[in-house]
């Protein structure tokens, strides 16, 4: 998701440009942190699924052995 600056937003009554800039930086940093948290969560869940898949498949290996 890309955020585009709108020059009209820089003119908010009751707020200085510096305050708005600081708010924008804060929002951007929070967005980046949330995206990183989501990536970490997805990676952890993928690892969990891989481990679970391995646990399910490994016990079944003796059953797949060729019997005489």
C-alpha atoms as a PDB file:
ATOM      1  CA  UNK A   1       0.000   0.000   0.000  1.00  0.00           C
ATOM      2  CA  UNK A   2       1.429   3.347  -0.980  1.00  0.00           C
ATOM      3  CA  UNK A   3       0.530   6.592   0.703  1.00  0.00           C
ATOM      4  CA  UNK A   4       0.623   9.733  -1.362  1.00  0.00           C
ATOM      5  CA  UNK A   5       1.119  13.194   0.085  1.00  0.00           C
ATOM      6  CA  UNK A   6      -1.734  15.593  -0.454  1.00  0.00           C
ATOM      7  CA  UNK A   7      -0.586  19.230  -0.215  1.00  0.00           C
ATOM      8  CA  UNK A   8      -4.046  20.227   0.965  1.00  0.00           C
ATOM      9  CA  UNK A   9      -3.580  18.148   4.100  1.00  0.00           C
ATOM     10  CA  UNK A  10      -0.657  20.344   5.167  1.00  0.00           C
ATOM     11  CA  UNK A  11      -3.118  23.149   5.923  1.00  0.00           C
ATOM     12  CA  UNK A  12      -5.097  21.915   8.897  1.00  0.00           C
ATOM     13  CA  UNK A  13      -6.493  24.693  11.071  1.00  0.00           C
ATOM     14  CA  UNK A  14      -5.087  24.632  14.583  1.00  0.00           C
ATOM     15  CA  UNK A  15      -1.982  22.625  13.722  1.00  0.00           C
ATOM     16  CA  UNK A  16       1.465  23.801  12.714  1.00  0.00           C
ATOM     17  CA  UNK A  17       3.233  22.185   9.762  1.00  0.00           C
ATOM     18  CA  UNK A  18       5.834  20.786  12.151  1.00  0.00           C
ATOM     19  CA  UNK A  19       3.126  19.046  14.184  1.00  0.00           C
ATOM     20  CA  UNK A  20       1.614  17.528  11.067  1.00  0.00           C
ATOM     21  CA  UNK A  21       5.033  16.434   9.819  1.00  0.00           C
ATOM     22  CA  UNK A  22       5.740  14.769  13.163  1.00  0.00           C
ATOM     23  CA  UNK A  23       2.366  13.036  13.049  1.00  0.00           C
ATOM     24  CA  UNK A  24       3.004  11.851   9.494  1.00  0.00           C
ATOM     25  CA  UNK A  25       6.408  10.446  10.527  1.00  0.00           C
ATOM     26  CA  UNK A  26       4.830   8.709  13.493  1.00  0.00           C
ATOM     27  CA  UNK A  27       2.117   7.152  11.338  1.00  0.00           C
ATOM     28  CA  UNK A  28       4.693   6.014   8.763  1.00  0.00           C
ATOM     29  CA  UNK A  29       6.887   4.420  11.439  1.00  0.00           C
ATOM     30  CA  UNK A  30       3.865   2.656  12.920  1.00  0.00           C
ATOM     31  CA  UNK A  31       2.851   1.395   9.461  1.00  0.00           C
ATOM     32  CA  UNK A  32       6.343   0.009   8.894  1.00  0.00           C
ATOM     33  CA  UNK A  33       6.323  -1.689  12.305  1.00  0.00           C
ATOM     34  CA  UNK A  34       2.924  -3.248  11.633  1.00  0.00           C
ATOM     35  CA  UNK A  35       4.114  -4.544   8.258  1.00  0.00           C
ATOM     36  CA  UNK A  36       7.210  -6.048   9.911  1.00  0.00           C
ATOM     37  CA  UNK A  37       5.028  -7.622  12.618  1.00  0.00           C
ATOM     38  CA  UNK A  38       2.760  -9.125   9.947  1.00  0.00           C
ATOM     39  CA  UNK A  39       5.757 -10.531   8.033  1.00  0.00           C
ATOM     40  CA  UNK A  40       7.127 -12.047  11.259  1.00  0.00           C
ATOM     41  CA  UNK A  41       3.735 -13.545  12.127  1.00  0.00           C
ATOM     42  CA  UNK A  42       3.367 -15.089   8.668  1.00  0.00           C
ATOM     43  CA  UNK A  43       6.906 -16.525   8.795  1.00  0.00           C
ATOM     44  CA  UNK A  44       6.240 -18.021  12.245  1.00  0.00           C
ATOM     45  CA  UNK A  45       2.979 -19.603  11.070  1.00  0.00           C
ATOM     46  CA  UNK A  46       4.693 -21.012   7.961  1.00  0.00           C
ATOM     47  CA  UNK A  47       7.406 -22.544  10.163  1.00  0.00           C
ATOM     48  CA  UNK A  48       4.730 -23.978  12.440  1.00  0.00           C
ATOM     49  CA  UNK A  49       2.934 -25.541   9.465  1.00  0.00           C
ATOM     50  CA  UNK A  50       6.185 -27.006   8.130  1.00  0.00           C
ATOM     51  CA  UNK A  51       6.984 -28.528  11.547  1.00  0.00           C
ATOM     52  CA  UNK A  52       3.469 -29.923  11.828  1.00  0.00           C
ATOM     53  CA  UNK A  53       3.696 -31.380   8.318  1.00  0.00           C
ATOM     54  CA  UNK A  54       7.004 -32.988   9.189  1.00  0.00           C
ATOM     55  CA  UNK A  55       5.578 -34.458  12.415  1.00  0.00           C
ATOM     56  CA  UNK A  56       2.632 -35.896  10.500  1.00  0.00           C
ATOM     57  CA  UNK A  57       4.737 -37.371   7.684  1.00  0.00           C
ATOM     58  CA  UNK A  58       7.704 -38.762   9.634  1.00  0.00           C
ATOM     59  CA  UNK A  59       5.731 -41.265  11.792  1.00  0.00           C
ATOM     60  CA  UNK A  60       4.118 -42.619   8.636  1.00  0.00           C
ATOM     61  CA  UNK A  61       7.451 -43.502   6.974  1.00  0.00           C
ATOM     62  CA  UNK A  62       7.649 -47.037   8.445  1.00  0.00           C
ATOM     63  CA  UNK A  63       4.210 -47.708   7.005  1.00  0.00           C
ATOM     64  CA  UNK A  64       5.524 -46.895   3.543  1.00  0.00           C
ATOM     65  CA  UNK A  65       8.336 -49.473   3.702  1.00  0.00           C
ATOM     66  CA  UNK A  66       8.118 -52.226   1.121  1.00  0.00           C
ATOM     67  CA  UNK A  67       7.027 -55.449   2.730  1.00  0.00           C
ATOM     68  CA  UNK A  68       8.088 -58.877   1.515  1.00  0.00           C
END
